[in-house]
């Protein structure tokens, strides 16, 4: 059953990528290793968790394995095919079928963590700025956004980060993903923070089992 679901997800992802290559930046769902790297600092203590661009739910499943309650999940997906799948798989989650840059959560007081599978590198700077502004409008004080990228550096420019009062720190490199990916934490700037994008500690390489 799991293998059938994995194959079905792969085919759906591939069809969506062929139809919207700029919106769906990868040809396959994110690996379990990347999902673990993206959710390592999130758990039931996080409260409401916002996920942008969940696709077929690779990160969503990881969040549930980490103990996040399904009814604390807020999934934002603009792809109709993915949204339909997510609605069936996670009926207790809040699903918002729409664009992340117009995000509005009137019934939620605050969000304790956010993760993003959005292809920021393929988006105009103005769109990236609008998305980040919307996310941090809802994030609680001290909460962070976790973003992955296939590029060699943070997918958010220093100018956008500085303009929004944010900073990025490299967290993990996941070489055994297709394609290899890096994970960054985006958080509100602190006065004592170091240079943009510089890691607080040595990079972590994910080599764990599937």
N, C-alpha and C. Protein backbone atom coordinates (compact mmCIF):
# COMPACT_ATOMS: atom_id res chain seq x y z
N UNK A 1 0.82 -1.20 0.00
CA UNK A 1 0.00 0.00 0.00
C UNK A 1 0.87 1.26 0.00
N UNK A 2 1.94 1.26 0.85
CA UNK A 2 2.82 2.42 0.92
C UNK A 2 3.53 2.63 -0.41
N UNK A 3 3.99 1.52 -1.04
CA UNK A 3 4.67 1.64 -2.31
C UNK A 3 3.73 2.17 -3.39
N UNK A 4 2.46 1.73 -3.34
CA UNK A 4 1.47 2.20 -4.31
C UNK A 4 1.22 3.69 -4.13
N UNK A 5 1.13 4.13 -2.86
CA UNK A 5 0.91 5.55 -2.58
C UNK A 5 2.10 6.37 -3.05
N UNK A 6 3.33 5.86 -2.81
CA UNK A 6 4.54 6.57 -3.23
C UNK A 6 4.58 6.70 -4.75
N UNK A 7 4.26 5.62 -5.46
CA UNK A 7 4.26 5.65 -6.92
C UNK A 7 3.19 6.61 -7.44
N UNK A 8 2.02 6.59 -6.80
CA UNK A 8 0.93 7.48 -7.21
C UNK A 8 1.32 8.94 -6.99
N UNK A 9 1.95 9.23 -5.85
CA UNK A 9 2.40 10.59 -5.56
C UNK A 9 3.43 11.05 -6.57
N UNK A 10 4.34 10.16 -6.93
CA UNK A 10 5.39 10.51 -7.89
C UNK A 10 4.78 10.87 -9.24
N UNK A 11 3.79 10.08 -9.69
CA UNK A 11 3.16 10.34 -10.98
C UNK A 11 2.38 11.66 -10.94
N UNK A 12 1.69 11.92 -9.85
CA UNK A 12 0.96 13.18 -9.71
C UNK A 12 1.92 14.35 -9.71
N UNK A 13 3.03 14.21 -9.00
CA UNK A 13 4.04 15.26 -8.95
C UNK A 13 4.63 15.51 -10.33
N UNK A 14 4.91 14.43 -11.05
CA UNK A 14 5.51 14.55 -12.37
C UNK A 14 4.55 15.25 -13.34
N UNK A 15 3.27 14.89 -13.28
CA UNK A 15 2.28 15.53 -14.16
C UNK A 15 2.14 17.01 -13.81
N UNK A 16 2.15 17.33 -12.52
CA UNK A 16 2.03 18.73 -12.11
C UNK A 16 3.26 19.52 -12.54
N UNK A 17 4.43 18.90 -12.43
CA UNK A 17 5.66 19.57 -12.86
C UNK A 17 5.64 19.84 -14.36
N UNK A 18 5.17 18.87 -15.15
CA UNK A 18 5.12 19.04 -16.60
C UNK A 18 4.15 20.16 -16.98
N UNK A 19 3.06 20.28 -16.21
CA UNK A 19 2.06 21.31 -16.52
C UNK A 19 2.47 22.68 -16.02
N UNK A 20 3.18 22.73 -14.87
CA UNK A 20 3.55 24.01 -14.26
C UNK A 20 4.99 23.94 -13.74
N UNK A 21 5.98 23.90 -14.61
CA UNK A 21 7.38 23.70 -14.18
C UNK A 21 7.92 24.79 -13.27
N UNK A 22 7.46 26.02 -13.39
CA UNK A 22 7.95 27.10 -12.53
C UNK A 22 7.29 27.07 -11.16
N UNK A 23 6.08 26.54 -11.11
CA UNK A 23 5.36 26.47 -9.84
C UNK A 23 5.76 25.24 -9.05
N UNK A 24 6.00 24.14 -9.75
CA UNK A 24 6.45 22.89 -9.13
C UNK A 24 7.90 22.71 -9.54
N UNK A 25 8.81 23.08 -8.68
CA UNK A 25 10.22 23.21 -9.08
C UNK A 25 10.98 21.90 -9.13
N UNK A 26 10.42 20.80 -8.64
CA UNK A 26 11.09 19.50 -8.66
C UNK A 26 10.25 18.49 -9.41
N UNK A 27 10.89 17.42 -9.88
CA UNK A 27 10.15 16.41 -10.65
C UNK A 27 9.67 15.28 -9.75
N UNK A 28 10.01 15.31 -8.47
CA UNK A 28 9.60 14.26 -7.54
C UNK A 28 9.35 14.87 -6.17
N UNK A 29 8.50 14.21 -5.36
CA UNK A 29 8.27 14.71 -3.99
C UNK A 29 9.57 14.71 -3.19
N UNK A 30 9.62 15.56 -2.18
CA UNK A 30 10.80 15.62 -1.32
C UNK A 30 11.00 14.29 -0.59
N UNK A 31 12.26 13.94 -0.36
CA UNK A 31 12.59 12.68 0.30
C UNK A 31 12.28 12.74 1.79
N UNK A 32 12.26 11.57 2.41
CA UNK A 32 12.04 11.52 3.86
C UNK A 32 13.20 12.18 4.59
N UNK A 33 14.41 12.10 4.05
CA UNK A 33 15.56 12.74 4.68
C UNK A 33 15.39 14.25 4.73
N UNK A 34 14.94 14.83 3.60
CA UNK A 34 14.72 16.27 3.58
C UNK A 34 13.58 16.65 4.51
N UNK A 35 12.53 15.83 4.54
CA UNK A 35 11.40 16.09 5.44
C UNK A 35 11.85 16.10 6.90
N UNK A 36 12.73 15.17 7.25
CA UNK A 36 13.26 15.13 8.61
C UNK A 36 14.08 16.37 8.92
N UNK A 37 14.90 16.80 7.94
CA UNK A 37 15.73 17.99 8.14
C UNK A 37 14.89 19.25 8.30
N UNK A 38 13.78 19.31 7.59
CA UNK A 38 12.91 20.50 7.64
C UNK A 38 12.11 20.58 8.94
N UNK A 39 11.87 19.46 9.57
CA UNK A 39 10.96 19.42 10.72
C UNK A 39 11.67 19.10 12.03
N UNK A 40 13.00 19.06 12.03
CA UNK A 40 13.73 18.60 13.21
C UNK A 40 13.48 19.45 14.45
N UNK A 41 13.18 20.75 14.29
CA UNK A 41 12.97 21.64 15.44
C UNK A 41 11.50 21.89 15.73
N UNK A 42 10.62 21.09 15.13
CA UNK A 42 9.18 21.29 15.28
C UNK A 42 8.56 20.07 15.96
N UNK A 43 7.60 20.29 16.83
CA UNK A 43 6.92 19.20 17.52
C UNK A 43 5.59 19.66 18.07
N UNK A 44 4.97 18.85 18.94
CA UNK A 44 3.66 19.24 19.49
C UNK A 44 3.71 20.53 20.29
N UNK A 45 4.90 20.87 20.81
CA UNK A 45 5.08 22.10 21.56
C UNK A 45 4.96 23.35 20.68
N UNK A 46 5.01 23.16 19.35
CA UNK A 46 4.99 24.30 18.42
C UNK A 46 3.60 24.90 18.28
N UNK A 47 2.57 24.16 18.66
CA UNK A 47 1.21 24.66 18.48
C UNK A 47 0.81 24.62 17.02
N UNK A 48 0.23 25.71 16.53
CA UNK A 48 -0.15 25.78 15.13
C UNK A 48 1.08 25.81 14.24
N UNK A 49 1.09 24.97 13.20
CA UNK A 49 2.21 24.92 12.27
C UNK A 49 1.70 25.21 10.87
N UNK A 50 2.33 26.18 10.22
CA UNK A 50 1.95 26.61 8.88
C UNK A 50 2.86 25.93 7.86
N UNK A 51 2.28 25.29 6.86
CA UNK A 51 3.06 24.68 5.79
C UNK A 51 2.63 25.28 4.45
N UNK A 52 3.60 25.83 3.74
CA UNK A 52 3.32 26.45 2.44
C UNK A 52 3.84 25.57 1.32
N UNK A 53 2.97 25.27 0.36
CA UNK A 53 3.35 24.42 -0.75
C UNK A 53 3.59 22.99 -0.35
N UNK A 54 2.67 22.35 0.37
CA UNK A 54 2.90 20.98 0.84
C UNK A 54 2.93 19.93 -0.27
N UNK A 55 2.42 20.23 -1.44
CA UNK A 55 2.46 19.26 -2.53
C UNK A 55 1.68 18.00 -2.21
N UNK A 56 2.35 16.85 -2.21
CA UNK A 56 1.68 15.58 -1.90
C UNK A 56 1.76 15.24 -0.42
N UNK A 57 2.40 16.10 0.38
CA UNK A 57 2.38 15.91 1.83
C UNK A 57 3.61 15.26 2.43
N UNK A 58 4.75 15.32 1.78
CA UNK A 58 5.97 14.71 2.33
C UNK A 58 6.34 15.33 3.67
N UNK A 59 6.31 16.66 3.75
CA UNK A 59 6.63 17.33 5.01
C UNK A 59 5.48 17.20 6.00
N UNK A 60 4.26 17.15 5.50
CA UNK A 60 3.09 17.00 6.36
C UNK A 60 3.17 15.70 7.14
N UNK A 61 3.53 14.62 6.47
CA UNK A 61 3.68 13.33 7.13
C UNK A 61 4.77 13.39 8.20
N UNK A 62 5.87 14.10 7.89
CA UNK A 62 6.96 14.23 8.86
C UNK A 62 6.50 15.00 10.09
N UNK A 63 5.70 16.05 9.89
CA UNK A 63 5.18 16.82 11.01
C UNK A 63 4.32 15.95 11.92
N UNK A 64 3.49 15.11 11.33
CA UNK A 64 2.65 14.22 12.12
C UNK A 64 3.49 13.20 12.87
N UNK A 65 4.56 12.71 12.23
CA UNK A 65 5.45 11.77 12.92
C UNK A 65 6.15 12.45 14.10
N UNK A 66 6.39 13.75 14.00
CA UNK A 66 7.03 14.49 15.09
C UNK A 66 6.06 14.82 16.22
N UNK A 67 4.80 14.46 16.06
CA UNK A 67 3.83 14.67 17.13
C UNK A 67 2.95 15.88 16.97
N UNK A 68 3.09 16.61 15.87
CA UNK A 68 2.20 17.75 15.62
C UNK A 68 0.79 17.22 15.38
N UNK A 69 -0.18 17.80 16.03
CA UNK A 69 -1.57 17.36 15.87
C UNK A 69 -2.10 17.80 14.51
N UNK A 70 -2.84 16.90 13.87
CA UNK A 70 -3.35 17.21 12.54
C UNK A 70 -4.21 18.46 12.54
N UNK A 71 -4.98 18.66 13.61
CA UNK A 71 -5.85 19.85 13.63
C UNK A 71 -5.09 21.13 13.93
N UNK A 72 -3.76 21.02 14.17
CA UNK A 72 -2.92 22.21 14.32
C UNK A 72 -2.18 22.55 13.03
N UNK A 73 -2.41 21.76 11.99
CA UNK A 73 -1.75 22.00 10.71
C UNK A 73 -2.56 22.97 9.86
N UNK A 74 -1.86 23.94 9.27
CA UNK A 74 -2.47 24.88 8.33
C UNK A 74 -1.73 24.72 7.02
N UNK A 75 -2.37 24.12 6.03
CA UNK A 75 -1.74 23.80 4.75
C UNK A 75 -2.19 24.81 3.69
N UNK A 76 -1.21 25.45 3.04
CA UNK A 76 -1.53 26.43 2.00
C UNK A 76 -1.01 25.89 0.67
N UNK A 77 -1.93 25.55 -0.22
CA UNK A 77 -1.57 24.93 -1.50
C UNK A 77 -2.40 25.54 -2.62
N UNK A 78 -1.74 26.07 -3.65
CA UNK A 78 -2.46 26.69 -4.76
C UNK A 78 -2.74 25.73 -5.91
N UNK A 79 -2.02 24.60 -5.98
CA UNK A 79 -2.22 23.62 -7.05
C UNK A 79 -3.50 22.82 -6.77
N UNK A 80 -4.50 22.88 -7.63
CA UNK A 80 -5.78 22.20 -7.35
C UNK A 80 -5.65 20.70 -7.15
N UNK A 81 -4.79 20.04 -7.93
CA UNK A 81 -4.63 18.59 -7.80
C UNK A 81 -4.04 18.23 -6.45
N UNK A 82 -3.02 18.97 -6.03
CA UNK A 82 -2.42 18.71 -4.72
C UNK A 82 -3.42 19.03 -3.61
N UNK A 83 -4.15 20.12 -3.76
CA UNK A 83 -5.11 20.53 -2.73
C UNK A 83 -6.18 19.46 -2.53
N UNK A 84 -6.65 18.87 -3.61
CA UNK A 84 -7.65 17.81 -3.53
C UNK A 84 -7.10 16.60 -2.78
N UNK A 85 -5.87 16.23 -3.08
CA UNK A 85 -5.22 15.09 -2.41
C UNK A 85 -5.04 15.37 -0.92
N UNK A 86 -4.57 16.55 -0.59
CA UNK A 86 -4.33 16.90 0.81
C UNK A 86 -5.64 16.94 1.61
N UNK A 87 -6.69 17.42 0.99
CA UNK A 87 -7.98 17.51 1.65
C UNK A 87 -8.49 16.12 2.04
N UNK A 88 -8.23 15.13 1.19
CA UNK A 88 -8.65 13.75 1.46
C UNK A 88 -7.77 13.10 2.52
N UNK A 89 -6.47 13.37 2.47
CA UNK A 89 -5.54 12.69 3.38
C UNK A 89 -5.52 13.29 4.78
N UNK A 90 -5.76 14.59 4.87
CA UNK A 90 -5.66 15.26 6.17
C UNK A 90 -6.92 16.06 6.44
N UNK A 91 -8.03 15.37 6.66
CA UNK A 91 -9.33 16.06 6.81
C UNK A 91 -9.41 16.97 8.03
N UNK A 92 -8.60 16.71 9.05
CA UNK A 92 -8.66 17.54 10.26
C UNK A 92 -7.79 18.79 10.17
N UNK A 93 -6.93 18.84 9.16
CA UNK A 93 -6.07 20.01 8.98
C UNK A 93 -6.86 21.14 8.33
N UNK A 94 -6.40 22.37 8.54
CA UNK A 94 -6.99 23.52 7.85
C UNK A 94 -6.30 23.66 6.50
N UNK A 95 -7.05 23.54 5.42
CA UNK A 95 -6.48 23.65 4.08
C UNK A 95 -6.92 24.96 3.44
N UNK A 96 -5.95 25.74 3.01
CA UNK A 96 -6.22 26.98 2.30
C UNK A 96 -5.75 26.81 0.87
N UNK A 97 -6.68 26.77 -0.04
CA UNK A 97 -6.34 26.60 -1.46
C UNK A 97 -6.21 27.99 -2.07
N UNK A 98 -4.99 28.47 -2.17
CA UNK A 98 -4.77 29.82 -2.67
C UNK A 98 -3.31 30.18 -2.66
N UNK A 99 -3.03 31.43 -2.95
CA UNK A 99 -1.68 31.94 -3.08
C UNK A 99 -1.13 32.39 -1.74
N UNK A 100 0.09 31.96 -1.42
CA UNK A 100 0.70 32.27 -0.12
C UNK A 100 0.92 33.77 0.09
N UNK A 101 1.09 34.53 -0.99
CA UNK A 101 1.35 35.96 -0.80
C UNK A 101 0.12 36.74 -0.36
N UNK A 102 -1.05 36.09 -0.43
CA UNK A 102 -2.28 36.71 0.04
C UNK A 102 -2.81 36.01 1.29
N UNK A 103 -1.90 35.38 2.03
CA UNK A 103 -2.27 34.60 3.20
C UNK A 103 -2.97 35.43 4.26
N UNK A 104 -4.06 34.88 4.76
CA UNK A 104 -4.79 35.53 5.85
C UNK A 104 -5.40 34.44 6.72
N UNK A 105 -5.08 34.48 8.02
CA UNK A 105 -5.57 33.46 8.96
C UNK A 105 -6.36 34.14 10.07
N UNK A 106 -7.55 34.60 9.79
CA UNK A 106 -8.31 35.37 10.77
C UNK A 106 -8.71 34.59 12.01
N UNK A 107 -8.81 33.25 11.92
CA UNK A 107 -9.27 32.47 13.07
C UNK A 107 -8.12 31.92 13.90
N UNK A 108 -6.88 32.20 13.50
CA UNK A 108 -5.72 31.68 14.23
C UNK A 108 -4.99 32.84 14.91
N UNK A 109 -4.80 32.74 16.22
CA UNK A 109 -4.14 33.82 16.95
C UNK A 109 -2.66 33.93 16.58
N UNK A 110 -1.95 32.80 16.58
CA UNK A 110 -0.54 32.83 16.24
C UNK A 110 -0.10 31.47 15.74
N UNK A 111 1.03 31.46 15.06
CA UNK A 111 1.59 30.24 14.48
C UNK A 111 2.97 30.03 15.11
N UNK A 112 3.23 28.82 15.59
CA UNK A 112 4.46 28.54 16.30
C UNK A 112 5.63 28.16 15.44
N UNK A 113 5.39 27.80 14.19
CA UNK A 113 6.47 27.45 13.26
C UNK A 113 5.88 27.40 11.85
N UNK A 114 6.75 27.58 10.87
CA UNK A 114 6.32 27.51 9.48
C UNK A 114 7.38 26.79 8.66
N UNK A 115 6.96 26.01 7.69
CA UNK A 115 7.89 25.38 6.75
C UNK A 115 7.39 25.67 5.34
N UNK A 116 8.34 25.79 4.43
CA UNK A 116 7.97 26.18 3.07
C UNK A 116 8.66 25.30 2.03
N UNK A 117 7.85 24.80 1.12
CA UNK A 117 8.36 24.08 -0.04
C UNK A 117 8.19 24.90 -1.30
N UNK A 118 7.97 26.20 -1.14
CA UNK A 118 7.75 27.08 -2.29
C UNK A 118 9.04 27.31 -3.07
N UNK A 119 8.98 27.33 -4.39
CA UNK A 119 10.18 27.56 -5.21
C UNK A 119 10.52 29.05 -5.29
N UNK A 120 11.06 29.60 -4.23
CA UNK A 120 11.30 31.04 -4.15
C UNK A 120 12.26 31.54 -5.22
N UNK A 121 13.21 30.69 -5.63
CA UNK A 121 14.20 31.12 -6.62
C UNK A 121 13.57 31.47 -7.96
N UNK A 122 12.42 30.88 -8.24
CA UNK A 122 11.76 31.13 -9.53
C UNK A 122 10.73 32.25 -9.45
N UNK A 123 10.63 32.90 -8.30
CA UNK A 123 9.63 33.94 -8.10
C UNK A 123 10.25 35.33 -8.17
N UNK A 124 9.50 36.33 -8.63
CA UNK A 124 9.98 37.72 -8.61
C UNK A 124 10.22 38.17 -7.17
N UNK A 125 11.15 39.09 -6.99
CA UNK A 125 11.49 39.58 -5.65
C UNK A 125 10.28 40.14 -4.93
N UNK A 126 9.41 40.82 -5.66
CA UNK A 126 8.23 41.41 -5.03
C UNK A 126 7.31 40.34 -4.46
N UNK A 127 7.20 39.21 -5.17
CA UNK A 127 6.36 38.10 -4.69
C UNK A 127 6.96 37.46 -3.45
N UNK A 128 8.27 37.24 -3.47
CA UNK A 128 8.96 36.66 -2.31
C UNK A 128 8.77 37.56 -1.09
N UNK A 129 8.90 38.85 -1.29
CA UNK A 129 8.74 39.80 -0.18
C UNK A 129 7.32 39.75 0.38
N UNK A 130 6.33 39.65 -0.50
CA UNK A 130 4.94 39.60 -0.06
C UNK A 130 4.66 38.32 0.72
N UNK A 131 5.23 37.19 0.27
CA UNK A 131 5.03 35.92 0.95
C UNK A 131 5.64 35.95 2.34
N UNK A 132 6.88 36.43 2.44
CA UNK A 132 7.54 36.49 3.74
C UNK A 132 6.82 37.42 4.69
N UNK A 133 6.37 38.55 4.18
CA UNK A 133 5.63 39.50 5.01
C UNK A 133 4.36 38.86 5.56
N UNK A 134 3.65 38.10 4.72
CA UNK A 134 2.42 37.44 5.14
C UNK A 134 2.71 36.36 6.19
N UNK A 135 3.78 35.60 5.99
CA UNK A 135 4.14 34.54 6.93
C UNK A 135 4.45 35.12 8.31
N UNK A 136 5.34 36.11 8.34
CA UNK A 136 5.78 36.65 9.62
C UNK A 136 4.73 37.52 10.30
N UNK A 137 3.72 37.92 9.55
CA UNK A 137 2.58 38.60 10.17
C UNK A 137 1.86 37.66 11.12
N UNK A 138 1.89 36.35 10.80
CA UNK A 138 1.17 35.36 11.61
C UNK A 138 2.08 34.59 12.56
N UNK A 139 3.40 34.61 12.34
CA UNK A 139 4.30 33.87 13.22
C UNK A 139 4.44 34.54 14.58
N UNK A 140 4.42 33.72 15.61
CA UNK A 140 4.59 34.24 16.97
C UNK A 140 6.00 34.77 17.16
N UNK A 141 6.19 35.61 18.16
CA UNK A 141 7.51 36.13 18.48
C UNK A 141 8.46 34.96 18.79
N UNK A 142 9.60 34.95 18.15
CA UNK A 142 10.57 33.87 18.36
C UNK A 142 10.38 32.68 17.45
N UNK A 143 9.28 32.63 16.72
CA UNK A 143 9.02 31.51 15.80
C UNK A 143 9.79 31.72 14.50
N UNK A 144 10.08 30.62 13.82
CA UNK A 144 10.89 30.67 12.60
C UNK A 144 10.20 29.98 11.43
N UNK A 145 10.67 30.35 10.26
CA UNK A 145 10.28 29.71 9.01
C UNK A 145 11.46 28.85 8.55
N UNK A 146 11.17 27.62 8.13
CA UNK A 146 12.20 26.74 7.59
C UNK A 146 11.95 26.57 6.09
N UNK A 147 12.95 26.91 5.31
CA UNK A 147 12.85 26.93 3.84
C UNK A 147 13.97 26.08 3.25
N UNK A 148 13.64 25.26 2.26
CA UNK A 148 14.72 24.53 1.59
C UNK A 148 14.92 25.09 0.19
N UNK A 149 16.08 24.81 -0.37
CA UNK A 149 16.42 25.29 -1.70
C UNK A 149 17.34 24.29 -2.38
N UNK A 150 17.30 24.28 -3.71
CA UNK A 150 18.22 23.47 -4.49
C UNK A 150 19.43 24.29 -4.93
N UNK A 151 19.41 25.57 -4.65
CA UNK A 151 20.49 26.46 -5.05
C UNK A 151 21.66 26.41 -4.08
N UNK A 152 22.78 27.09 -4.43
CA UNK A 152 23.99 27.06 -3.60
C UNK A 152 23.96 28.01 -2.41
N UNK A 153 22.94 28.85 -2.31
CA UNK A 153 22.86 29.82 -1.20
C UNK A 153 21.40 30.04 -0.83
N UNK A 154 21.19 30.84 0.19
CA UNK A 154 19.83 31.13 0.64
C UNK A 154 19.01 31.69 -0.53
N UNK A 155 17.78 31.19 -0.74
CA UNK A 155 16.98 31.65 -1.88
C UNK A 155 16.37 33.03 -1.69
N UNK A 156 16.59 33.63 -0.53
CA UNK A 156 16.05 34.97 -0.26
C UNK A 156 17.22 35.94 -0.22
N UNK A 157 17.14 37.00 -0.98
CA UNK A 157 18.26 37.94 -1.09
C UNK A 157 18.48 38.69 0.22
N UNK A 158 19.72 39.12 0.47
CA UNK A 158 20.00 39.92 1.67
C UNK A 158 19.17 41.19 1.72
N UNK A 159 18.89 41.78 0.55
CA UNK A 159 18.12 43.02 0.52
C UNK A 159 16.69 42.80 1.02
N UNK A 160 16.07 41.70 0.59
CA UNK A 160 14.70 41.40 1.04
C UNK A 160 14.69 41.11 2.54
N UNK A 161 15.64 40.31 2.99
CA UNK A 161 15.72 39.98 4.41
C UNK A 161 15.89 41.25 5.26
N UNK A 162 16.83 42.10 4.87
CA UNK A 162 17.09 43.32 5.63
C UNK A 162 15.87 44.23 5.64
N UNK A 163 15.19 44.31 4.50
CA UNK A 163 14.02 45.18 4.41
C UNK A 163 12.88 44.75 5.30
N UNK A 164 12.81 43.45 5.59
CA UNK A 164 11.75 42.92 6.43
C UNK A 164 12.20 42.67 7.87
N UNK A 165 13.46 43.01 8.16
CA UNK A 165 13.97 42.79 9.51
C UNK A 165 14.17 41.33 9.83
N UNK A 166 14.62 40.55 8.84
CA UNK A 166 14.80 39.11 9.01
C UNK A 166 16.25 38.72 8.80
N UNK A 167 16.60 37.52 9.23
CA UNK A 167 17.92 36.97 9.00
C UNK A 167 17.80 35.49 8.64
N UNK A 168 18.78 34.98 7.91
CA UNK A 168 18.78 33.58 7.48
C UNK A 168 20.01 32.88 8.01
N UNK A 169 19.84 31.65 8.45
CA UNK A 169 20.98 30.85 8.89
C UNK A 169 20.89 29.46 8.26
N UNK A 170 22.01 29.00 7.74
CA UNK A 170 22.08 27.68 7.12
C UNK A 170 21.97 26.61 8.21
N UNK A 171 21.11 25.60 7.97
CA UNK A 171 20.88 24.56 8.96
C UNK A 171 21.46 23.21 8.56
N UNK A 172 21.07 22.72 7.40
CA UNK A 172 21.47 21.38 7.00
C UNK A 172 21.58 21.26 5.49
N UNK A 173 22.48 20.40 5.07
CA UNK A 173 22.59 20.00 3.67
C UNK A 173 22.14 18.55 3.56
N UNK A 174 21.25 18.28 2.61
CA UNK A 174 20.70 16.93 2.42
C UNK A 174 21.10 16.46 1.03
N UNK A 175 22.27 15.81 0.89
CA UNK A 175 22.76 15.40 -0.43
C UNK A 175 21.96 14.27 -1.06
N UNK A 176 21.29 13.45 -0.22
CA UNK A 176 20.58 12.30 -0.75
C UNK A 176 19.10 12.62 -0.99
N UNK A 177 18.87 13.79 -1.49
CA UNK A 177 17.53 14.18 -1.96
C UNK A 177 17.63 14.34 -3.47
N UNK A 178 16.50 14.34 -4.17
CA UNK A 178 16.51 14.51 -5.62
C UNK A 178 15.77 15.79 -5.99
N UNK A 179 16.53 16.87 -6.37
CA UNK A 179 17.99 17.00 -6.32
C UNK A 179 18.45 17.33 -4.89
N UNK A 180 19.79 17.32 -4.63
CA UNK A 180 20.29 17.67 -3.30
C UNK A 180 19.77 19.04 -2.87
N UNK A 181 19.53 19.18 -1.56
CA UNK A 181 18.90 20.41 -1.07
C UNK A 181 19.57 20.90 0.20
N UNK A 182 19.39 22.18 0.47
CA UNK A 182 19.86 22.81 1.71
C UNK A 182 18.67 23.40 2.45
N UNK A 183 18.76 23.38 3.77
CA UNK A 183 17.68 23.90 4.62
C UNK A 183 18.18 25.15 5.34
N UNK A 184 17.35 26.20 5.33
CA UNK A 184 17.66 27.45 6.02
C UNK A 184 16.57 27.78 7.02
N UNK A 185 16.98 28.41 8.12
CA UNK A 185 16.02 28.95 9.07
C UNK A 185 15.94 30.46 8.83
N UNK A 186 14.72 30.96 8.69
CA UNK A 186 14.47 32.39 8.53
C UNK A 186 13.79 32.88 9.81
N UNK A 187 14.36 33.88 10.44
CA UNK A 187 13.80 34.38 11.69
C UNK A 187 13.94 35.89 11.77
N UNK A 188 13.27 36.48 12.74
CA UNK A 188 13.39 37.92 12.94
C UNK A 188 14.80 38.25 13.43
N UNK A 189 15.33 39.34 12.96
CA UNK A 189 16.71 39.72 13.29
C UNK A 189 16.87 40.02 14.77
N UNK A 190 18.05 39.68 15.28
CA UNK A 190 18.42 40.03 16.65
C UNK A 190 19.62 40.97 16.58
N UNK A 191 19.74 41.90 17.51
CA UNK A 191 20.85 42.86 17.48
C UNK A 191 22.21 42.20 17.47
N UNK A 192 22.32 41.03 18.18
CA UNK A 192 23.62 40.41 18.30
C UNK A 192 23.91 39.42 17.18
N UNK A 193 22.99 39.29 16.22
CA UNK A 193 23.17 38.30 15.15
C UNK A 193 24.38 38.64 14.32
N UNK A 194 25.01 37.61 13.75
CA UNK A 194 26.19 37.79 12.92
C UNK A 194 25.82 38.14 11.51
N UNK A 195 26.75 37.96 10.59
CA UNK A 195 26.52 38.29 9.19
C UNK A 195 25.42 37.45 8.61
N UNK A 196 24.75 38.01 7.61
CA UNK A 196 23.65 37.30 6.97
C UNK A 196 24.11 35.97 6.42
N UNK A 197 23.28 34.95 6.70
CA UNK A 197 23.51 33.65 6.10
C UNK A 197 24.61 32.85 6.76
N UNK A 198 25.32 33.40 7.76
CA UNK A 198 26.39 32.64 8.37
C UNK A 198 25.83 31.71 9.42
N UNK A 199 26.21 30.43 9.40
CA UNK A 199 25.65 29.46 10.35
C UNK A 199 26.16 29.70 11.75
N UNK A 200 25.31 29.43 12.74
CA UNK A 200 25.71 29.59 14.12
C UNK A 200 26.66 28.47 14.54
N UNK A 201 26.60 27.35 13.84
CA UNK A 201 27.47 26.22 14.14
C UNK A 201 27.79 25.51 12.84
N UNK A 202 28.61 24.47 12.94
CA UNK A 202 29.01 23.75 11.73
C UNK A 202 27.82 23.16 11.02
N UNK A 203 27.83 23.14 9.68
CA UNK A 203 26.72 22.56 8.93
C UNK A 203 26.47 21.10 9.30
N UNK A 204 25.23 20.71 9.23
CA UNK A 204 24.86 19.31 9.49
C UNK A 204 24.52 18.66 8.17
N UNK A 205 25.07 17.48 7.93
CA UNK A 205 24.79 16.73 6.70
C UNK A 205 23.90 15.57 7.06
N UNK A 206 22.74 15.49 6.43
CA UNK A 206 21.80 14.41 6.70
C UNK A 206 22.22 13.16 5.95
N UNK A 207 22.51 12.08 6.69
CA UNK A 207 22.90 10.82 6.06
C UNK A 207 22.06 9.65 6.55
N UNK A 208 21.01 9.97 7.29
CA UNK A 208 20.23 8.91 7.92
C UNK A 208 19.51 8.03 6.92
N UNK A 209 18.85 7.00 7.46
CA UNK A 209 18.12 6.07 6.61
C UNK A 209 16.91 6.70 6.00
N UNK A 210 16.34 6.01 5.02
CA UNK A 210 15.18 6.54 4.30
C UNK A 210 13.97 6.57 5.19
